[in-house]
Amino acid sequence: MFFIDIFKNNLKTQLLGKHTVYFDSTESTNKDIWTLFKKKAEEGLLVIANNQTNGRGRGNHIWHSNKGEDIICSFLIKEKNNYENIGFYSLLTPVGIIEGIKKTIKINLQIKWPNDLIYKNKKIGGILIESKIKDNFIYLNIGFGINVNS
């Protein structure tokens, strides 16, 4: 069970999660980010879901989650038309997730390029990064799912 108030009260970031939206169930947190983006969403927006029914993976792959058993979220980052930095997000995101998990619960994960999170030779999660350009800024929608109890 996820408690949004406890999450917000313990969040120690300066940017991510300034505005957090929680859904008990959604088709896709990445899709939700773009929907909110059209309504003037701010950088740092975080969408979290207890269940995702139609998550997108690389290509045409669908990522399914089990209600109450997985971590599913997406967040919005803004980059000032610096195309040179965009590639770093595909490297920094999995490293950040892996380091956060290692620091919190002492589990070592690996990265299978380009977007898989691996534990004991099994895929337990994935990362999807999408982008849009608006008003001389590049907006990155970074989503990930981790099979925690499934």
N, C-alpha and C. Protein backbone atom coordinates (compact mmCIF):
# COMPACT_ATOMS: atom_id res chain seq x y z
N MET A 1 0.84 -1.18 0.00
CA MET A 1 0.00 0.00 0.00
C MET A 1 0.88 1.24 0.00
N PHE A 2 0.52 2.23 -0.79
CA PHE A 2 1.29 3.46 -0.93
C PHE A 2 0.55 4.60 -0.23
N PHE A 3 1.26 5.34 0.59
CA PHE A 3 0.69 6.47 1.30
C PHE A 3 1.31 7.76 0.78
N ILE A 4 0.54 8.51 -0.01
CA ILE A 4 1.05 9.71 -0.67
C ILE A 4 1.48 10.77 0.34
N ASP A 5 0.77 10.93 1.44
CA ASP A 5 1.14 11.94 2.44
C ASP A 5 2.47 11.61 3.11
N ILE A 6 2.68 10.36 3.43
CA ILE A 6 3.97 9.95 4.02
C ILE A 6 5.09 10.17 3.02
N PHE A 7 4.82 9.83 1.76
CA PHE A 7 5.82 10.03 0.71
C PHE A 7 6.20 11.52 0.62
N LYS A 8 5.21 12.40 0.50
CA LYS A 8 5.48 13.83 0.36
C LYS A 8 6.21 14.39 1.57
N ASN A 9 5.84 13.94 2.77
CA ASN A 9 6.49 14.45 3.98
C ASN A 9 7.94 14.00 4.12
N ASN A 10 8.30 12.91 3.46
CA ASN A 10 9.66 12.39 3.57
C ASN A 10 10.52 12.65 2.34
N LEU A 11 9.96 13.29 1.33
CA LEU A 11 10.69 13.59 0.11
C LEU A 11 11.73 14.67 0.38
N LYS A 12 12.97 14.41 0.00
CA LYS A 12 14.05 15.33 0.30
C LYS A 12 14.69 15.91 -0.96
N THR A 13 13.92 16.06 -2.01
CA THR A 13 14.45 16.61 -3.25
C THR A 13 14.08 18.08 -3.36
N GLN A 14 14.84 18.80 -4.19
CA GLN A 14 14.56 20.21 -4.42
C GLN A 14 13.66 20.41 -5.63
N LEU A 15 13.65 19.46 -6.56
CA LEU A 15 12.90 19.64 -7.79
C LEU A 15 11.83 18.56 -7.99
N LEU A 16 12.26 17.31 -8.00
CA LEU A 16 11.31 16.23 -8.28
C LEU A 16 10.28 16.09 -7.17
N GLY A 17 9.05 15.98 -7.57
CA GLY A 17 7.98 15.80 -6.60
C GLY A 17 7.43 17.08 -6.02
N LYS A 18 7.89 18.25 -6.53
CA LYS A 18 7.29 19.51 -6.06
C LYS A 18 5.77 19.43 -6.21
N HIS A 19 5.36 18.84 -7.31
CA HIS A 19 3.95 18.56 -7.54
C HIS A 19 3.85 17.07 -7.82
N THR A 20 3.12 16.35 -6.98
CA THR A 20 2.98 14.89 -7.12
C THR A 20 1.52 14.54 -7.34
N VAL A 21 1.30 13.68 -8.34
CA VAL A 21 -0.04 13.18 -8.63
C VAL A 21 -0.01 11.68 -8.44
N TYR A 22 -0.99 11.17 -7.69
CA TYR A 22 -1.07 9.73 -7.43
C TYR A 22 -2.36 9.17 -8.01
N PHE A 23 -2.24 8.04 -8.71
CA PHE A 23 -3.39 7.32 -9.24
C PHE A 23 -3.40 5.91 -8.67
N ASP A 24 -4.55 5.45 -8.22
CA ASP A 24 -4.65 4.06 -7.80
C ASP A 24 -4.42 3.15 -9.00
N SER A 25 -4.95 3.55 -10.16
CA SER A 25 -4.74 2.79 -11.39
C SER A 25 -4.72 3.77 -12.56
N THR A 26 -3.88 3.49 -13.54
CA THR A 26 -3.77 4.31 -14.73
C THR A 26 -3.31 3.45 -15.89
N GLU A 27 -3.54 3.91 -17.10
CA GLU A 27 -3.01 3.20 -18.26
C GLU A 27 -1.50 3.29 -18.27
N SER A 28 -0.98 4.52 -18.14
CA SER A 28 0.45 4.75 -18.27
C SER A 28 0.83 6.05 -17.56
N THR A 29 1.82 5.99 -16.69
CA THR A 29 2.26 7.22 -16.02
C THR A 29 2.94 8.15 -17.02
N ASN A 30 3.61 7.61 -18.04
CA ASN A 30 4.21 8.46 -19.07
C ASN A 30 3.11 9.21 -19.84
N LYS A 31 2.04 8.51 -20.15
CA LYS A 31 0.91 9.14 -20.82
C LYS A 31 0.30 10.23 -19.93
N ASP A 32 0.19 9.96 -18.64
CA ASP A 32 -0.34 10.94 -17.69
C ASP A 32 0.53 12.21 -17.66
N ILE A 33 1.84 12.04 -17.69
CA ILE A 33 2.74 13.20 -17.70
C ILE A 33 2.43 14.09 -18.90
N TRP A 34 2.31 13.48 -20.09
CA TRP A 34 2.04 14.29 -21.29
C TRP A 34 0.67 14.95 -21.22
N THR A 35 -0.31 14.28 -20.66
CA THR A 35 -1.63 14.89 -20.50
C THR A 35 -1.55 16.11 -19.59
N LEU A 36 -0.84 15.98 -18.48
CA LEU A 36 -0.68 17.10 -17.55
C LEU A 36 0.22 18.19 -18.14
N PHE A 37 1.18 17.80 -18.96
CA PHE A 37 2.07 18.74 -19.64
C PHE A 37 1.26 19.69 -20.53
N LYS A 38 0.26 19.16 -21.20
CA LYS A 38 -0.61 19.98 -22.05
C LYS A 38 -1.39 21.01 -21.22
N LYS A 39 -1.57 20.71 -19.95
CA LYS A 39 -2.30 21.61 -19.05
C LYS A 39 -1.34 22.49 -18.25
N LYS A 40 -0.14 22.69 -18.78
CA LYS A 40 0.87 23.57 -18.16
C LYS A 40 1.57 22.96 -16.95
N ALA A 41 1.84 21.69 -16.98
CA ALA A 41 2.57 21.05 -15.88
C ALA A 41 3.97 21.65 -15.75
N GLU A 42 4.45 21.72 -14.54
CA GLU A 42 5.76 22.28 -14.24
C GLU A 42 6.84 21.20 -14.19
N GLU A 43 8.06 21.64 -14.40
CA GLU A 43 9.21 20.75 -14.23
C GLU A 43 9.20 20.20 -12.81
N GLY A 44 9.55 18.95 -12.67
CA GLY A 44 9.57 18.31 -11.36
C GLY A 44 8.30 17.53 -11.06
N LEU A 45 7.29 17.65 -11.95
CA LEU A 45 6.05 16.90 -11.78
C LEU A 45 6.38 15.41 -11.65
N LEU A 46 5.74 14.76 -10.70
CA LEU A 46 5.93 13.33 -10.46
C LEU A 46 4.57 12.67 -10.46
N VAL A 47 4.42 11.63 -11.27
CA VAL A 47 3.19 10.84 -11.31
C VAL A 47 3.53 9.44 -10.81
N ILE A 48 2.79 9.00 -9.82
CA ILE A 48 2.98 7.68 -9.22
C ILE A 48 1.67 6.92 -9.34
N ALA A 49 1.75 5.61 -9.60
CA ALA A 49 0.54 4.80 -9.69
C ALA A 49 0.71 3.50 -8.91
N ASN A 50 -0.39 3.04 -8.37
CA ASN A 50 -0.42 1.76 -7.69
C ASN A 50 -0.54 0.62 -8.69
N ASN A 51 -1.10 0.95 -9.86
CA ASN A 51 -1.29 -0.06 -10.90
C ASN A 51 -1.23 0.63 -12.25
N GLN A 52 -0.61 -0.04 -13.20
CA GLN A 52 -0.51 0.47 -14.57
C GLN A 52 -0.99 -0.62 -15.51
N THR A 53 -1.97 -0.29 -16.34
CA THR A 53 -2.60 -1.32 -17.17
C THR A 53 -2.08 -1.38 -18.60
N ASN A 54 -1.40 -0.32 -19.04
CA ASN A 54 -0.95 -0.29 -20.43
C ASN A 54 0.34 0.53 -20.56
N GLY A 55 1.33 0.20 -19.72
CA GLY A 55 2.60 0.91 -19.77
C GLY A 55 3.34 0.60 -21.06
N ARG A 56 4.12 1.57 -21.49
CA ARG A 56 4.87 1.40 -22.73
C ARG A 56 6.33 1.08 -22.44
N GLY A 57 6.84 0.18 -23.23
CA GLY A 57 8.26 -0.13 -23.19
C GLY A 57 8.87 0.28 -24.51
N ARG A 58 10.09 -0.17 -24.73
CA ARG A 58 10.77 0.13 -25.98
C ARG A 58 10.06 -0.54 -27.14
N GLY A 59 10.03 0.14 -28.26
CA GLY A 59 9.33 -0.41 -29.41
C GLY A 59 7.84 -0.44 -29.13
N ASN A 60 7.20 -1.54 -29.41
CA ASN A 60 5.77 -1.68 -29.16
C ASN A 60 5.48 -2.56 -27.95
N HIS A 61 6.47 -2.77 -27.10
CA HIS A 61 6.28 -3.64 -25.94
C HIS A 61 5.39 -2.97 -24.89
N ILE A 62 4.57 -3.78 -24.25
CA ILE A 62 3.69 -3.32 -23.17
C ILE A 62 4.31 -3.77 -21.85
N TRP A 63 4.29 -2.89 -20.85
CA TRP A 63 4.79 -3.26 -19.53
C TRP A 63 3.60 -3.32 -18.59
N HIS A 64 3.39 -4.48 -18.00
CA HIS A 64 2.28 -4.69 -17.07
C HIS A 64 2.80 -4.63 -15.64
N SER A 65 1.96 -4.16 -14.76
CA SER A 65 2.31 -4.16 -13.34
C SER A 65 1.24 -4.93 -12.57
N ASN A 66 1.61 -5.34 -11.40
CA ASN A 66 0.67 -6.00 -10.51
C ASN A 66 0.27 -5.01 -9.42
N LYS A 67 -1.02 -4.83 -9.24
CA LYS A 67 -1.53 -3.83 -8.30
C LYS A 67 -0.95 -4.04 -6.90
N GLY A 68 -0.37 -2.98 -6.39
CA GLY A 68 0.18 -3.01 -5.05
C GLY A 68 1.50 -3.75 -4.90
N GLU A 69 2.09 -4.19 -6.01
CA GLU A 69 3.32 -4.98 -5.91
C GLU A 69 4.52 -4.34 -6.61
N ASP A 70 4.30 -3.31 -7.38
CA ASP A 70 5.37 -2.74 -8.19
C ASP A 70 5.49 -1.24 -7.96
N ILE A 71 6.64 -0.69 -8.30
CA ILE A 71 6.84 0.75 -8.28
C ILE A 71 6.68 1.24 -9.71
N ILE A 72 5.76 2.18 -9.90
CA ILE A 72 5.49 2.72 -11.22
C ILE A 72 5.43 4.23 -11.10
N CYS A 73 6.28 4.93 -11.84
CA CYS A 73 6.22 6.39 -11.79
C CYS A 73 6.87 7.01 -13.02
N SER A 74 6.57 8.27 -13.23
CA SER A 74 7.19 9.08 -14.27
C SER A 74 7.39 10.48 -13.72
N PHE A 75 8.41 11.16 -14.24
CA PHE A 75 8.64 12.54 -13.81
C PHE A 75 9.08 13.40 -14.99
N LEU A 76 8.90 14.70 -14.84
CA LEU A 76 9.15 15.66 -15.92
C LEU A 76 10.36 16.53 -15.58
N ILE A 77 11.29 16.58 -16.52
CA ILE A 77 12.51 17.39 -16.39
C ILE A 77 12.56 18.37 -17.56
N LYS A 78 13.06 19.56 -17.33
CA LYS A 78 13.18 20.57 -18.39
C LYS A 78 14.66 20.86 -18.63
N GLU A 79 15.05 20.85 -19.90
CA GLU A 79 16.44 21.11 -20.29
C GLU A 79 16.42 22.25 -21.31
N LYS A 80 17.21 23.28 -21.11
CA LYS A 80 17.25 24.43 -22.02
C LYS A 80 17.97 24.05 -23.30
N ASN A 81 17.23 23.71 -24.31
CA ASN A 81 17.74 23.36 -25.65
C ASN A 81 19.21 22.99 -25.72
N ASN A 82 19.68 22.23 -24.78
CA ASN A 82 21.05 21.76 -24.81
C ASN A 82 21.03 20.29 -25.20
N TYR A 83 20.98 20.06 -26.49
CA TYR A 83 20.85 18.70 -27.00
C TYR A 83 22.03 17.81 -26.60
N GLU A 84 23.16 18.41 -26.31
CA GLU A 84 24.34 17.64 -25.91
C GLU A 84 24.11 16.92 -24.58
N ASN A 85 23.29 17.47 -23.69
CA ASN A 85 23.05 16.87 -22.38
C ASN A 85 21.98 15.78 -22.38
N ILE A 86 21.18 15.72 -23.42
CA ILE A 86 20.03 14.81 -23.43
C ILE A 86 20.45 13.35 -23.27
N GLY A 87 21.50 12.94 -23.93
CA GLY A 87 21.96 11.56 -23.85
C GLY A 87 22.37 11.13 -22.45
N PHE A 88 22.78 12.09 -21.63
CA PHE A 88 23.21 11.76 -20.26
C PHE A 88 22.07 11.21 -19.41
N TYR A 89 20.84 11.64 -19.71
CA TYR A 89 19.71 11.18 -18.92
C TYR A 89 19.51 9.66 -19.04
N SER A 90 19.79 9.11 -20.21
CA SER A 90 19.65 7.66 -20.36
C SER A 90 20.73 6.91 -19.60
N LEU A 91 21.81 7.58 -19.25
CA LEU A 91 22.86 6.98 -18.43
C LEU A 91 22.63 7.26 -16.94
N LEU A 92 22.27 8.49 -16.63
CA LEU A 92 22.12 8.89 -15.23
C LEU A 92 20.89 8.29 -14.55
N THR A 93 19.81 8.13 -15.29
CA THR A 93 18.58 7.61 -14.69
C THR A 93 18.76 6.21 -14.11
N PRO A 94 19.24 5.22 -14.89
CA PRO A 94 19.40 3.90 -14.28
C PRO A 94 20.45 3.88 -13.17
N VAL A 95 21.51 4.65 -13.33
CA VAL A 95 22.53 4.70 -12.27
C VAL A 95 21.93 5.28 -11.00
N GLY A 96 21.12 6.33 -11.11
CA GLY A 96 20.47 6.93 -9.95
C GLY A 96 19.52 5.97 -9.26
N ILE A 97 18.74 5.24 -10.05
CA ILE A 97 17.81 4.25 -9.47
C ILE A 97 18.59 3.16 -8.75
N ILE A 98 19.61 2.64 -9.40
CA ILE A 98 20.42 1.56 -8.82
C ILE A 98 21.11 2.03 -7.53
N GLU A 99 21.68 3.23 -7.55
CA GLU A 99 22.36 3.74 -6.36
C GLU A 99 21.36 4.00 -5.23
N GLY A 100 20.18 4.51 -5.56
CA GLY A 100 19.15 4.74 -4.55
C GLY A 100 18.70 3.46 -3.88
N ILE A 101 18.51 2.41 -4.68
CA ILE A 101 18.10 1.11 -4.13
C ILE A 101 19.22 0.53 -3.28
N LYS A 102 20.44 0.63 -3.77
CA LYS A 102 21.58 0.10 -3.03
C LYS A 102 21.74 0.81 -1.68
N LYS A 103 21.58 2.12 -1.67
CA LYS A 103 21.71 2.90 -0.44
C LYS A 103 20.58 2.60 0.53
N THR A 104 19.38 2.39 0.00
CA THR A 104 18.21 2.21 0.85
C THR A 104 18.06 0.80 1.39
N ILE A 105 18.20 -0.20 0.51
CA ILE A 105 17.94 -1.58 0.96
C ILE A 105 19.09 -2.55 0.67
N LYS A 106 20.24 -2.01 0.29
CA LYS A 106 21.46 -2.82 0.16
C LYS A 106 21.35 -3.96 -0.86
N ILE A 107 20.62 -3.73 -1.95
CA ILE A 107 20.52 -4.71 -3.03
C ILE A 107 21.29 -4.17 -4.23
N ASN A 108 22.11 -5.00 -4.82
CA ASN A 108 22.88 -4.60 -5.99
C ASN A 108 22.15 -4.99 -7.27
N LEU A 109 21.85 -4.00 -8.09
CA LEU A 109 21.24 -4.24 -9.40
C LEU A 109 22.26 -3.95 -10.48
N GLN A 110 21.97 -4.41 -11.67
CA GLN A 110 22.81 -4.12 -12.82
C GLN A 110 21.93 -3.47 -13.90
N ILE A 111 22.60 -2.87 -14.87
CA ILE A 111 21.92 -2.28 -16.02
C ILE A 111 22.18 -3.17 -17.23
N LYS A 112 21.13 -3.51 -17.94
CA LYS A 112 21.27 -4.15 -19.25
C LYS A 112 20.88 -3.08 -20.25
N TRP A 113 21.87 -2.62 -20.99
CA TRP A 113 21.67 -1.52 -21.92
C TRP A 113 20.59 -1.87 -22.92
N PRO A 114 19.70 -0.96 -23.25
CA PRO A 114 19.75 0.45 -22.88
C PRO A 114 18.85 0.82 -21.71
N ASN A 115 17.90 -0.05 -21.31
CA ASN A 115 16.92 0.46 -20.33
C ASN A 115 16.40 -0.58 -19.34
N ASP A 116 17.08 -1.68 -19.17
CA ASP A 116 16.60 -2.73 -18.26
C ASP A 116 17.35 -2.70 -16.93
N LEU A 117 16.62 -2.97 -15.86
CA LEU A 117 17.21 -3.13 -14.53
C LEU A 117 17.20 -4.62 -14.22
N ILE A 118 18.36 -5.14 -13.84
CA ILE A 118 18.55 -6.58 -13.67
C ILE A 118 18.94 -6.91 -12.23
N TYR A 119 18.32 -7.98 -11.70
CA TYR A 119 18.67 -8.50 -10.38
C TYR A 119 18.80 -10.02 -10.50
N LYS A 120 19.97 -10.54 -10.14
CA LYS A 120 20.24 -11.98 -10.22
C LYS A 120 19.86 -12.54 -11.59
N ASN A 121 20.35 -11.86 -12.63
CA ASN A 121 20.16 -12.26 -14.03
C ASN A 121 18.71 -12.24 -14.51
N LYS A 122 17.83 -11.58 -13.80
CA LYS A 122 16.43 -11.46 -14.22
C LYS A 122 16.06 -9.99 -14.34
N LYS A 123 15.30 -9.68 -15.39
CA LYS A 123 14.82 -8.31 -15.55
C LYS A 123 13.76 -8.03 -14.50
N ILE A 124 13.98 -6.97 -13.72
CA ILE A 124 12.99 -6.60 -12.71
C ILE A 124 12.39 -5.22 -12.97
N GLY A 125 12.90 -4.53 -13.99
CA GLY A 125 12.37 -3.21 -14.25
C GLY A 125 12.89 -2.64 -15.55
N GLY A 126 12.30 -1.52 -15.91
CA GLY A 126 12.71 -0.84 -17.13
C GLY A 126 12.48 0.65 -17.04
N ILE A 127 13.12 1.35 -17.95
CA ILE A 127 13.08 2.81 -17.99
C ILE A 127 12.66 3.24 -19.38
N LEU A 128 11.79 4.24 -19.46
CA LEU A 128 11.37 4.79 -20.73
C LEU A 128 11.53 6.30 -20.66
N ILE A 129 12.29 6.86 -21.61
CA ILE A 129 12.50 8.31 -21.67
C ILE A 129 11.95 8.82 -23.00
N GLU A 130 11.05 9.79 -22.89
CA GLU A 130 10.47 10.43 -24.07
C GLU A 130 10.72 11.92 -23.97
N SER A 131 10.66 12.63 -25.10
CA SER A 131 10.92 14.07 -25.06
C SER A 131 9.99 14.83 -25.99
N LYS A 132 9.80 16.11 -25.65
CA LYS A 132 9.06 17.06 -26.48
C LYS A 132 9.77 18.40 -26.37
N ILE A 133 9.68 19.18 -27.43
CA ILE A 133 10.25 20.52 -27.43
C ILE A 133 9.12 21.53 -27.38
N LYS A 134 9.27 22.52 -26.46
CA LYS A 134 8.28 23.58 -26.33
C LYS A 134 8.96 24.83 -25.81
N ASP A 135 8.76 25.95 -26.49
CA ASP A 135 9.28 27.26 -26.06
C ASP A 135 10.77 27.23 -25.76
N ASN A 136 11.56 26.68 -26.67
CA ASN A 136 13.02 26.62 -26.54
C ASN A 136 13.51 25.75 -25.39
N PHE A 137 12.66 24.87 -24.89
CA PHE A 137 13.06 23.93 -23.85
C PHE A 137 12.78 22.51 -24.34
N ILE A 138 13.59 21.60 -23.89
CA ILE A 138 13.35 20.18 -24.12
C ILE A 138 12.78 19.62 -22.83
N TYR A 139 11.63 19.01 -22.91
CA TYR A 139 11.00 18.40 -21.75
C TYR A 139 11.18 16.89 -21.85
N LEU A 140 11.72 16.31 -20.80
CA LEU A 140 11.96 14.87 -20.75
C LEU A 140 10.97 14.24 -19.78
N ASN A 141 10.29 13.25 -20.28
CA ASN A 141 9.34 12.46 -19.50
C ASN A 141 10.06 11.15 -19.20
N ILE A 142 10.49 10.99 -17.96
CA ILE A 142 11.28 9.82 -17.57
C ILE A 142 10.41 8.92 -16.71
N GLY A 143 10.12 7.75 -17.21
CA GLY A 143 9.30 6.81 -16.48
C GLY A 143 10.06 5.53 -16.19
N PHE A 144 9.70 4.92 -15.06
CA PHE A 144 10.29 3.61 -14.78
C PHE A 144 9.34 2.76 -13.97
N GLY A 145 9.50 1.48 -14.13
CA GLY A 145 8.74 0.51 -13.36
C GLY A 145 9.68 -0.52 -12.81
N ILE A 146 9.45 -0.92 -11.58
CA ILE A 146 10.27 -1.94 -10.93
C ILE A 146 9.34 -2.97 -10.31
N ASN A 147 9.54 -4.22 -10.68
CA ASN A 147 8.77 -5.32 -10.09
C ASN A 147 9.37 -5.61 -8.71
N VAL A 148 8.69 -5.15 -7.68
CA VAL A 148 9.21 -5.27 -6.32
C VAL A 148 8.79 -6.60 -5.69
N ASN A 149 7.52 -6.92 -5.76
CA ASN A 149 7.00 -8.14 -5.12
C ASN A 149 6.41 -9.11 -6.11
N SER A 150 6.62 -8.92 -7.39
CA SER A 150 6.03 -9.83 -8.37
C SER A 150 7.10 -10.60 -9.10
